[in-house]
Amino acid sequence: MGRLPATNGAIFSTGALFTCDARRGIMDAQLSGQVIQVNNQHWMSILQGRERQLLTHVFRTAEEGNVDSVMKAMDLFWSQVFGMRGTDTWRVRSDVLDDVLKKNKPKRCLEIGTYCGYSALAIAQHLPDDGLLISIDVDPLFSAIAAKIIQHAGLSSKVKCLIGSVETEAAKIASILKIDARTDGGAKPVDFVLCDHSKERYVPDLELLDSAGVVGRGTVVMGDTTVYPGDFSASGSQSLLSYFAENPKYRVQSHVNTRESSGITVSEWVHLP
């Protein structure tokens, strides 16, 4: 799901994600509904603690260890928050994700943009017992909430949450997966990648993951370019669909229009010569 809308326009700028000032800014914004800019690129929207309210709602109403119960609780909470706005396209996205996972049966996956962990749950429940999902988010608060929700659903053994961006963590992701792009003896690239973060970063981040060996032959990439309530529209960046269509490494498997000039694209890296 996309980021939530902010209620007022005050902006704090922080120089580094893990400074004390950044942590204070996040907590202050959580109380006042402000928007924070991090590292001049990544934006976080924290609307009066609603993500924390979601966590409380899940712990109070969802059965521990039951992923279906947890996801239903999250669905109910967000439908009430947004008054059902955007739920039609969320259902389309959920159906596409479910179909892709059932068809490809991935074992090692990467999600860029954890938010509160809903898509991480959707992916992890399809993984085998020895499967792994690495989910990364630039926002430490969202990542912490997602980790607790994933733990409550009983899937923490299959999901590793990282804080940061592909720009800062690509090497760490490759290390966790035992991938070495410099040799042919390392582990194979991931089976599946879900791009669900800042839309202007989709193409640059895929190129970074390519360089690190995290994506490669056989990797299926799903990108949701739909602008949901509260999202910031990407302007001036290359469309994910056009990138896949123009890149001989990829073959577009499907594209589902969800709204004007947006949609869900699924492509596979075929590594053509």
C-alpha atoms as a PDB file:
ATOM      1  CA  MET A   1       0.000   0.000   0.000  1.00  0.00           C
ATOM      2  CA  GLY A   2       1.092   3.591  -0.547  1.00  0.00           C
ATOM      3  CA  ARG A   3       2.145   6.141   2.004  1.00  0.00           C
ATOM      4  CA  LEU A   4      -0.504   7.970   4.001  1.00  0.00           C
ATOM      5  CA  PRO A   5      -1.335  11.628   3.363  1.00  0.00           C
ATOM      6  CA  ALA A   6       0.033  14.338   5.633  1.00  0.00           C
ATOM      7  CA  THR A   7      -2.260  16.828   7.357  1.00  0.00           C
ATOM      8  CA  ASN A   8      -0.101  19.935   7.399  1.00  0.00           C
ATOM      9  CA  GLY A   9       2.760  21.337   5.437  1.00  0.00           C
ATOM     10  CA  ALA A  10       5.606  21.792   7.921  1.00  0.00           C
ATOM     11  CA  ILE A  11       8.785  20.103   6.728  1.00  0.00           C
ATOM     12  CA  PHE A  12      11.864  19.031   8.663  1.00  0.00           C
ATOM     13  CA  SER A  13      15.114  18.271   6.851  1.00  0.00           C
ATOM     14  CA  THR A  14      17.649  15.891   8.362  1.00  0.00           C
ATOM     15  CA  GLY A  15      21.148  15.213   7.151  1.00  0.00           C
ATOM     16  CA  ALA A  16      21.387  11.523   8.078  1.00  0.00           C
ATOM     17  CA  LEU A  17      18.857   8.854   8.801  1.00  0.00           C
ATOM     18  CA  PHE A  18      20.212   7.694  12.144  1.00  0.00           C
ATOM     19  CA  THR A  19      21.093  10.986  13.845  1.00  0.00           C
ATOM     20  CA  CYS A  20      19.457  11.972  17.114  1.00  0.00           C
ATOM     21  CA  ASP A  21      17.893  14.974  15.376  1.00  0.00           C
ATOM     22  CA  ALA A  22      16.305  12.656  12.804  1.00  0.00           C
ATOM     23  CA  ARG A  23      14.806  10.470  15.529  1.00  0.00           C
ATOM     24  CA  ARG A  24      13.392  13.483  17.351  1.00  0.00           C
ATOM     25  CA  GLY A  25      12.007  14.786  14.065  1.00  0.00           C
ATOM     26  CA  ILE A  26      10.262  11.510  13.372  1.00  0.00           C
ATOM     27  CA  MET A  27       8.665  11.384  16.798  1.00  0.00           C
ATOM     28  CA  ASP A  28       7.623  15.031  16.657  1.00  0.00           C
ATOM     29  CA  ALA A  29       6.095  14.519  13.232  1.00  0.00           C
ATOM     30  CA  GLN A  30       4.257  11.458  14.452  1.00  0.00           C
ATOM     31  CA  LEU A  31       2.437  13.615  16.987  1.00  0.00           C
ATOM     32  CA  SER A  32       1.734  16.552  14.695  1.00  0.00           C
ATOM     33  CA  GLY A  33       1.141  14.887  11.316  1.00  0.00           C
ATOM     34  CA  GLN A  34       4.085  16.552   9.625  1.00  0.00           C
ATOM     35  CA  VAL A  35       6.154  15.366   6.658  1.00  0.00           C
ATOM     36  CA  ILE A  36       9.882  14.715   6.998  1.00  0.00           C
ATOM     37  CA  GLN A  37      12.533  14.843   4.275  1.00  0.00           C
ATOM     38  CA  VAL A  38      15.406  12.387   4.732  1.00  0.00           C
ATOM     39  CA  ASN A  39      18.739  12.689   2.873  1.00  0.00           C
ATOM     40  CA  ASN A  40      17.115  15.169   0.446  1.00  0.00           C
ATOM     41  CA  GLN A  41      15.518  12.283  -1.469  1.00  0.00           C
ATOM     42  CA  HIS A  42      13.237  10.117   0.631  1.00  0.00           C
ATOM     43  CA  TRP A  43       9.972  11.388   2.056  1.00  0.00           C
ATOM     44  CA  MET A  44       8.080   9.942   4.980  1.00  0.00           C
ATOM     45  CA  SER A  45       4.500  10.651   5.855  1.00  0.00           C
ATOM     46  CA  ILE A  46       3.512   9.997   9.450  1.00  0.00           C
ATOM     47  CA  LEU A  47      -0.079  10.924  10.036  1.00  0.00           C
ATOM     48  CA  GLN A  48      -0.795  11.314  13.760  1.00  0.00           C
ATOM     49  CA  GLY A  49       0.508   7.842  14.636  1.00  0.00           C
ATOM     50  CA  ARG A  50      -1.837   5.872  12.374  1.00  0.00           C
ATOM     51  CA  GLU A  51       0.829   3.293  11.636  1.00  0.00           C
ATOM     52  CA  ARG A  52       1.172   2.733  15.386  1.00  0.00           C
ATOM     53  CA  GLN A  53      -2.621   2.547  15.613  1.00  0.00           C
ATOM     54  CA  LEU A  54      -2.489  -0.171  12.955  1.00  0.00           C
ATOM     55  CA  LEU A  55       0.018  -2.144  15.021  1.00  0.00           C
ATOM     56  CA  THR A  56      -2.192  -1.850  18.106  1.00  0.00           C
ATOM     57  CA  HIS A  57      -5.246  -2.907  16.090  1.00  0.00           C
ATOM     58  CA  VAL A  58      -3.442  -5.985  14.736  1.00  0.00           C
ATOM     59  CA  PHE A  59      -2.233  -7.048  18.191  1.00  0.00           C
ATOM     60  CA  ARG A  60      -5.697  -6.599  19.686  1.00  0.00           C
ATOM     61  CA  THR A  61      -7.808  -8.205  16.970  1.00  0.00           C
ATOM     62  CA  ALA A  62      -5.679 -10.666  14.955  1.00  0.00           C
ATOM     63  CA  GLU A  63      -4.884 -14.202  16.068  1.00  0.00           C
ATOM     64  CA  GLU A  64      -1.184 -14.604  16.784  1.00  0.00           C
ATOM     65  CA  GLY A  65       0.528 -16.934  14.338  1.00  0.00           C
ATOM     66  CA  ASN A  66      -2.326 -16.694  11.827  1.00  0.00           C
ATOM     67  CA  VAL A  67      -1.202 -14.722   8.747  1.00  0.00           C
ATOM     68  CA  ASP A  68      -4.710 -14.648   7.244  1.00  0.00           C
ATOM     69  CA  SER A  69      -6.103 -13.166  10.448  1.00  0.00           C
ATOM     70  CA  VAL A  70      -3.375 -10.517  10.529  1.00  0.00           C
ATOM     71  CA  MET A  71      -3.906  -9.507   6.887  1.00  0.00           C
ATOM     72  CA  LYS A  72      -7.670  -9.304   7.366  1.00  0.00           C
ATOM     73  CA  ALA A  73      -7.144  -7.062  10.383  1.00  0.00           C
ATOM     74  CA  MET A  74      -4.886  -4.802   8.305  1.00  0.00           C
ATOM     75  CA  ASP A  75      -7.428  -4.720   5.463  1.00  0.00           C
ATOM     76  CA  LEU A  76     -10.173  -3.676   7.862  1.00  0.00           C
ATOM     77  CA  PHE A  77      -8.070  -0.964   9.463  1.00  0.00           C
ATOM     78  CA  TRP A  78      -7.005   0.659   6.183  1.00  0.00           C
ATOM     79  CA  SER A  79     -10.480   0.464   4.659  1.00  0.00           C
ATOM     80  CA  GLN A  80     -11.777   2.383   7.679  1.00  0.00           C
ATOM     81  CA  VAL A  81      -8.926   4.916   7.544  1.00  0.00           C
ATOM     82  CA  PHE A  82      -9.408   5.694   3.851  1.00  0.00           C
ATOM     83  CA  GLY A  83     -13.171   5.233   3.711  1.00  0.00           C
ATOM     84  CA  MET A  84     -12.661   2.517   1.046  1.00  0.00           C
ATOM     85  CA  ARG A  85     -10.853   4.962  -1.309  1.00  0.00           C
ATOM     86  CA  GLY A  86      -8.254   3.094  -3.351  1.00  0.00           C
ATOM     87  CA  THR A  87      -9.313  -0.349  -2.136  1.00  0.00           C
ATOM     88  CA  ASP A  88     -10.377  -1.376  -5.653  1.00  0.00           C
ATOM     89  CA  THR A  89      -6.858  -0.942  -7.022  1.00  0.00           C
ATOM     90  CA  TRP A  90      -5.327  -2.492  -3.896  1.00  0.00           C
ATOM     91  CA  ARG A  91      -7.380  -5.618  -4.587  1.00  0.00           C
ATOM     92  CA  VAL A  92      -6.149  -5.685  -8.195  1.00  0.00           C
ATOM     93  CA  ARG A  93      -2.564  -5.365  -6.986  1.00  0.00           C
ATOM     94  CA  SER A  94      -3.112  -8.125  -4.399  1.00  0.00           C
ATOM     95  CA  ASP A  95      -4.555 -10.453  -7.041  1.00  0.00           C
ATOM     96  CA  VAL A  96      -1.664  -9.799  -9.446  1.00  0.00           C
ATOM     97  CA  LEU A  97       0.902 -10.408  -6.694  1.00  0.00           C
ATOM     98  CA  ASP A  98      -0.823 -13.633  -5.650  1.00  0.00           C
ATOM     99  CA  ASP A  99      -0.941 -14.894  -9.260  1.00  0.00           C
ATOM    100  CA  VAL A 100       2.736 -14.091  -9.857  1.00  0.00           C
ATOM    101  CA  LEU A 101       3.827 -15.882  -6.678  1.00  0.00           C
ATOM    102  CA  LYS A 102       1.715 -18.967  -7.388  1.00  0.00           C
ATOM    103  CA  LYS A 103       3.012 -19.177 -10.961  1.00  0.00           C
ATOM    104  CA  ASN A 104       6.705 -18.619 -10.247  1.00  0.00           C
ATOM    105  CA  LYS A 105       7.019 -20.265  -6.811  1.00  0.00           C
ATOM    106  CA  PRO A 106       9.967 -18.079  -5.729  1.00  0.00           C
ATOM    107  CA  LYS A 107      12.338 -19.095  -2.956  1.00  0.00           C
ATOM    108  CA  ARG A 108      14.399 -15.919  -2.498  1.00  0.00           C
ATOM    109  CA  CYS A 109      12.690 -12.549  -2.806  1.00  0.00           C
ATOM    110  CA  LEU A 110      13.359  -8.847  -2.333  1.00  0.00           C
ATOM    111  CA  GLU A 111      10.808  -6.171  -1.512  1.00  0.00           C
ATOM    112  CA  ILE A 112      11.759  -2.499  -1.814  1.00  0.00           C
ATOM    113  CA  GLY A 113       9.374  -0.490   0.369  1.00  0.00           C
ATOM    114  CA  THR A 114       8.263  -2.455   3.425  1.00  0.00           C
ATOM    115  CA  TYR A 115       5.888   0.145   4.867  1.00  0.00           C
ATOM    116  CA  CYS A 116       3.842  -1.756   7.495  1.00  0.00           C
ATOM    117  CA  GLY A 117       4.525  -5.250   6.171  1.00  0.00           C
ATOM    118  CA  TYR A 118       1.329  -6.153   4.321  1.00  0.00           C
ATOM    119  CA  SER A 119       2.997  -7.142   1.038  1.00  0.00           C
ATOM    120  CA  ALA A 120       5.799  -8.831   2.973  1.00  0.00           C
ATOM    121  CA  LEU A 121       3.178 -11.096   4.554  1.00  0.00           C
ATOM    122  CA  ALA A 122       1.596 -11.749   1.160  1.00  0.00           C
ATOM    123  CA  ILE A 123       4.977 -12.811  -0.243  1.00  0.00           C
ATOM    124  CA  ALA A 124       6.265 -14.735   2.779  1.00  0.00           C
ATOM    125  CA  GLN A 125       3.188 -16.949   3.065  1.00  0.00           C
ATOM    126  CA  HIS A 126       4.000 -18.331  -0.395  1.00  0.00           C
ATOM    127  CA  LEU A 127       7.637 -19.133   0.401  1.00  0.00           C
ATOM    128  CA  PRO A 128       8.869 -22.648   1.245  1.00  0.00           C
ATOM    129  CA  ASP A 129      10.123 -23.358   4.753  1.00  0.00           C
ATOM    130  CA  ASP A 130      13.686 -22.483   3.731  1.00  0.00           C
ATOM    131  CA  GLY A 131      12.635 -19.430   1.699  1.00  0.00           C
ATOM    132  CA  LEU A 132      13.742 -15.875   2.432  1.00  0.00           C
ATOM    133  CA  LEU A 133      12.331 -12.419   1.797  1.00  0.00           C
ATOM    134  CA  ILE A 134      14.521  -9.371   2.344  1.00  0.00           C
ATOM    135  CA  SER A 135      12.343  -6.290   2.766  1.00  0.00           C
ATOM    136  CA  ILE A 136      13.930  -2.843   2.910  1.00  0.00           C
ATOM    137  CA  ASP A 137      12.495   0.542   3.856  1.00  0.00           C
ATOM    138  CA  VAL A 138      14.154   3.916   4.412  1.00  0.00           C
ATOM    139  CA  ASP A 139      11.886   4.680   7.392  1.00  0.00           C
ATOM    140  CA  PRO A 140      13.031   3.054  10.673  1.00  0.00           C
ATOM    141  CA  LEU A 141       9.629   3.510  12.324  1.00  0.00           C
ATOM    142  CA  PHE A 142       7.753   1.747   9.533  1.00  0.00           C
ATOM    143  CA  SER A 143      10.363  -1.005   9.431  1.00  0.00           C
ATOM    144  CA  ALA A 144      10.018  -1.601  13.176  1.00  0.00           C
ATOM    145  CA  ILE A 145       6.217  -1.729  12.954  1.00  0.00           C
ATOM    146  CA  ALA A 146       6.407  -4.129  10.010  1.00  0.00           C
ATOM    147  CA  ALA A 147       8.816  -6.404  11.894  1.00  0.00           C
ATOM    148  CA  LYS A 148       6.396  -6.653  14.844  1.00  0.00           C
ATOM    149  CA  ILE A 149       3.435  -7.341  12.558  1.00  0.00           C
ATOM    150  CA  ILE A 150       5.392 -10.009  10.679  1.00  0.00           C
ATOM    151  CA  GLN A 151       6.405 -11.559  14.008  1.00  0.00           C
ATOM    152  CA  HIS A 152       2.772 -11.552  15.192  1.00  0.00           C
ATOM    153  CA  ALA A 153       1.799 -13.358  11.982  1.00  0.00           C
ATOM    154  CA  GLY A 154       4.395 -16.053  12.673  1.00  0.00           C
ATOM    155  CA  LEU A 155       6.520 -15.383   9.579  1.00  0.00           C
ATOM    156  CA  SER A 156       9.597 -13.683  11.031  1.00  0.00           C
ATOM    157  CA  SER A 157      11.751 -16.744  10.229  1.00  0.00           C
ATOM    158  CA  LYS A 158      11.168 -16.075   6.522  1.00  0.00           C
ATOM    159  CA  VAL A 159      11.491 -12.267   6.473  1.00  0.00           C
ATOM    160  CA  LYS A 160      14.514 -10.081   7.183  1.00  0.00           C
ATOM    161  CA  CYS A 161      13.729  -6.360   7.464  1.00  0.00           C
ATOM    162  CA  LEU A 162      16.455  -3.856   6.608  1.00  0.00           C
ATOM    163  CA  ILE A 163      16.498  -0.100   7.197  1.00  0.00           C
ATOM    164  CA  GLY A 164      17.935   1.999   4.402  1.00  0.00           C
ATOM    165  CA  SER A 165      17.758   2.300   0.633  1.00  0.00           C
ATOM    166  CA  VAL A 166      19.018   0.230  -2.268  1.00  0.00           C
ATOM    167  CA  GLU A 167      21.637   2.926  -2.758  1.00  0.00           C
ATOM    168  CA  THR A 168      23.084   2.311   0.716  1.00  0.00           C
ATOM    169  CA  GLU A 169      22.248  -1.361   1.242  1.00  0.00           C
ATOM    170  CA  ALA A 170      22.755  -3.087  -2.149  1.00  0.00           C
ATOM    171  CA  ALA A 171      26.055  -4.625  -1.032  1.00  0.00           C
ATOM    172  CA  LYS A 172      24.506  -5.818   2.241  1.00  0.00           C
ATOM    173  CA  ILE A 173      21.576  -7.391   0.389  1.00  0.00           C
ATOM    174  CA  ALA A 174      24.015  -9.227  -1.886  1.00  0.00           C
ATOM    175  CA  SER A 175      26.034 -10.350   1.150  1.00  0.00           C
ATOM    176  CA  ILE A 176      22.975 -11.745   2.946  1.00  0.00           C
ATOM    177  CA  LEU A 177      22.072 -13.659  -0.212  1.00  0.00           C
ATOM    178  CA  LYS A 178      25.727 -14.772  -0.642  1.00  0.00           C
ATOM    179  CA  ILE A 179      25.878 -13.159  -4.076  1.00  0.00           C
ATOM    180  CA  ASP A 180      29.203 -12.045  -5.509  1.00  0.00           C
ATOM    181  CA  ALA A 181      28.790 -10.226  -8.835  1.00  0.00           C
ATOM    182  CA  ARG A 182      32.546 -10.521  -9.478  1.00  0.00           C
ATOM    183  CA  THR A 183      32.536 -14.318  -9.748  1.00  0.00           C
ATOM    184  CA  ASP A 184      30.400 -17.083 -11.198  1.00  0.00           C
ATOM    185  CA  GLY A 185      30.622 -19.140  -8.037  1.00  0.00           C
ATOM    186  CA  GLY A 186      28.230 -17.120  -5.913  1.00  0.00           C
ATOM    187  CA  ALA A 187      24.556 -17.734  -5.301  1.00  0.00           C
ATOM    188  CA  LYS A 188      22.044 -17.072  -8.070  1.00  0.00           C
ATOM    189  CA  PRO A 189      20.085 -13.804  -8.243  1.00  0.00           C
ATOM    190  CA  VAL A 190      16.780 -13.497  -6.401  1.00  0.00           C
ATOM    191  CA  ASP A 191      13.714 -15.094  -7.936  1.00  0.00           C
ATOM    192  CA  PHE A 192      11.350 -12.181  -7.383  1.00  0.00           C
ATOM    193  CA  VAL A 193      11.520  -8.432  -6.708  1.00  0.00           C
ATOM    194  CA  LEU A 194       8.606  -6.207  -5.703  1.00  0.00           C
ATOM    195  CA  CYS A 195       9.176  -2.480  -6.290  1.00  0.00           C
ATOM    196  CA  ASP A 196       6.846  -0.588  -3.979  1.00  0.00           C
ATOM    197  CA  HIS A 197       8.797   2.480  -2.895  1.00  0.00           C
ATOM    198  CA  SER A 198       9.527   5.913  -4.380  1.00  0.00           C
ATOM    199  CA  LYS A 199       8.486   5.505  -7.985  1.00  0.00           C
ATOM    200  CA  GLU A 200      11.258   7.693  -9.372  1.00  0.00           C
ATOM    201  CA  ARG A 201      13.723   5.209  -7.835  1.00  0.00           C
ATOM    202  CA  TYR A 202      12.377   2.079  -9.572  1.00  0.00           C
ATOM    203  CA  VAL A 203      14.679   2.166 -12.590  1.00  0.00           C
ATOM    204  CA  PRO A 204      17.840   3.480 -10.844  1.00  0.00           C
ATOM    205  CA  ASP A 205      17.447   0.915  -8.051  1.00  0.00           C
ATOM    206  CA  LEU A 206      16.959  -1.973 -10.483  1.00  0.00           C
ATOM    207  CA  GLU A 207      20.157  -0.888 -12.221  1.00  0.00           C
ATOM    208  CA  LEU A 208      21.992  -0.832  -8.881  1.00  0.00           C
ATOM    209  CA  LEU A 209      20.685  -4.325  -8.065  1.00  0.00           C
ATOM    210  CA  ASP A 210      21.810  -5.455 -11.525  1.00  0.00           C
ATOM    211  CA  SER A 211      25.343  -4.211 -10.810  1.00  0.00           C
ATOM    212  CA  ALA A 212      25.351  -5.991  -7.439  1.00  0.00           C
ATOM    213  CA  GLY A 213      24.189  -9.265  -8.987  1.00  0.00           C
ATOM    214  CA  VAL A 214      20.994  -9.295  -6.914  1.00  0.00           C
ATOM    215  CA  VAL A 215      18.799  -9.369 -10.033  1.00  0.00           C
ATOM    216  CA  GLY A 216      19.706 -11.386 -13.109  1.00  0.00           C
ATOM    217  CA  ARG A 217      18.625 -14.201 -15.380  1.00  0.00           C
ATOM    218  CA  GLY A 218      15.224 -15.545 -14.295  1.00  0.00           C
ATOM    219  CA  THR A 219      14.418 -12.738 -11.842  1.00  0.00           C
ATOM    220  CA  VAL A 220      10.769 -11.670 -12.044  1.00  0.00           C
ATOM    221  CA  VAL A 221      10.169  -7.994 -11.244  1.00  0.00           C
ATOM    222  CA  MET A 222       6.795  -6.562 -10.291  1.00  0.00           C
ATOM    223  CA  GLY A 223       6.376  -2.805 -10.040  1.00  0.00           C
ATOM    224  CA  ASP A 224       3.273  -0.944  -8.913  1.00  0.00           C
ATOM    225  CA  THR A 225       3.210   2.542 -10.422  1.00  0.00           C
ATOM    226  CA  THR A 226      -0.285   3.340  -9.191  1.00  0.00           C
ATOM    227  CA  VAL A 227      -0.491   6.573  -7.170  1.00  0.00           C
ATOM    228  CA  TYR A 228      -2.454   5.681  -4.042  1.00  0.00           C
ATOM    229  CA  PRO A 229      -3.987   8.140  -1.546  1.00  0.00           C
ATOM    230  CA  GLY A 230      -1.103   9.991   0.092  1.00  0.00           C
ATOM    231  CA  ASP A 231       1.528   8.984  -2.474  1.00  0.00           C
ATOM    232  CA  PHE A 232       3.800  11.504  -4.148  1.00  0.00           C
ATOM    233  CA  SER A 233       3.662  11.315  -7.957  1.00  0.00           C
ATOM    234  CA  ALA A 234       6.952  10.706  -9.696  1.00  0.00           C
ATOM    235  CA  SER A 235       7.635  13.310 -12.361  1.00  0.00           C
ATOM    236  CA  GLY A 236      10.385  13.351 -14.960  1.00  0.00           C
ATOM    237  CA  SER A 237      11.437   9.773 -14.241  1.00  0.00           C
ATOM    238  CA  GLN A 238      11.425   6.965 -16.773  1.00  0.00           C
ATOM    239  CA  SER A 239       8.308   4.808 -16.754  1.00  0.00           C
ATOM    240  CA  LEU A 240       8.926   1.286 -15.480  1.00  0.00           C
ATOM    241  CA  LEU A 241       6.929  -0.172 -18.363  1.00  0.00           C
ATOM    242  CA  SER A 242       8.937   1.766 -20.980  1.00  0.00           C
ATOM    243  CA  TYR A 243      12.178   0.746 -19.265  1.00  0.00           C
ATOM    244  CA  PHE A 244      11.239  -2.921 -19.499  1.00  0.00           C
ATOM    245  CA  ALA A 245       9.995  -2.546 -23.090  1.00  0.00           C
ATOM    246  CA  GLU A 246      13.244  -0.868 -24.214  1.00  0.00           C
ATOM    247  CA  ASN A 247      15.641  -3.091 -22.249  1.00  0.00           C
ATOM    248  CA  PRO A 248      16.565  -6.324 -24.075  1.00  0.00           C
ATOM    249  CA  LYS A 249      17.322  -7.978 -20.747  1.00  0.00           C
ATOM    250  CA  TYR A 250      13.638  -7.973 -19.820  1.00  0.00           C
ATOM    251  CA  ARG A 251      10.500  -9.488 -21.302  1.00  0.00           C
ATOM    252  CA  VAL A 252       7.207  -7.918 -20.223  1.00  0.00           C
ATOM    253  CA  GLN A 253       4.865 -10.633 -18.997  1.00  0.00           C
ATOM    254  CA  SER A 254       1.851  -8.485 -18.183  1.00  0.00           C
ATOM    255  CA  HIS A 255       0.693  -4.947 -17.506  1.00  0.00           C
ATOM    256  CA  VAL A 256      -2.554  -4.105 -15.741  1.00  0.00           C
ATOM    257  CA  ASN A 257      -3.859  -0.539 -15.885  1.00  0.00           C
ATOM    258  CA  THR A 258      -5.165   0.569 -12.515  1.00  0.00           C
ATOM    259  CA  ARG A 259      -5.545   4.309 -13.028  1.00  0.00           C
ATOM    260  CA  GLU A 260      -4.723   6.872 -15.667  1.00  0.00           C
ATOM    261  CA  SER A 261      -1.028   6.725 -16.576  1.00  0.00           C
ATOM    262  CA  SER A 262      -0.353   4.087 -13.944  1.00  0.00           C
ATOM    263  CA  GLY A 263      -0.583   0.396 -13.417  1.00  0.00           C
ATOM    264  CA  ILE A 264       1.116  -2.814 -12.356  1.00  0.00           C
ATOM    265  CA  THR A 265       3.876  -4.225 -14.555  1.00  0.00           C
ATOM    266  CA  VAL A 266       5.337  -7.716 -14.309  1.00  0.00           C
ATOM    267  CA  SER A 267       8.494  -8.533 -16.262  1.00  0.00           C
ATOM    268  CA  GLU A 268      11.106 -11.276 -16.301  1.00  0.00           C
ATOM    269  CA  TRP A 269      14.826 -10.857 -16.806  1.00  0.00           C
ATOM    270  CA  VAL A 270      15.637 -13.174 -19.690  1.00  0.00           C
ATOM    271  CA  HIS A 271      19.228 -11.964 -20.208  1.00  0.00           C
ATOM    272  CA  LEU A 272      19.079 -11.948 -23.978  1.00  0.00           C
ATOM    273  CA  PRO A 273      22.407 -11.475 -25.811  1.00  0.00           C
END
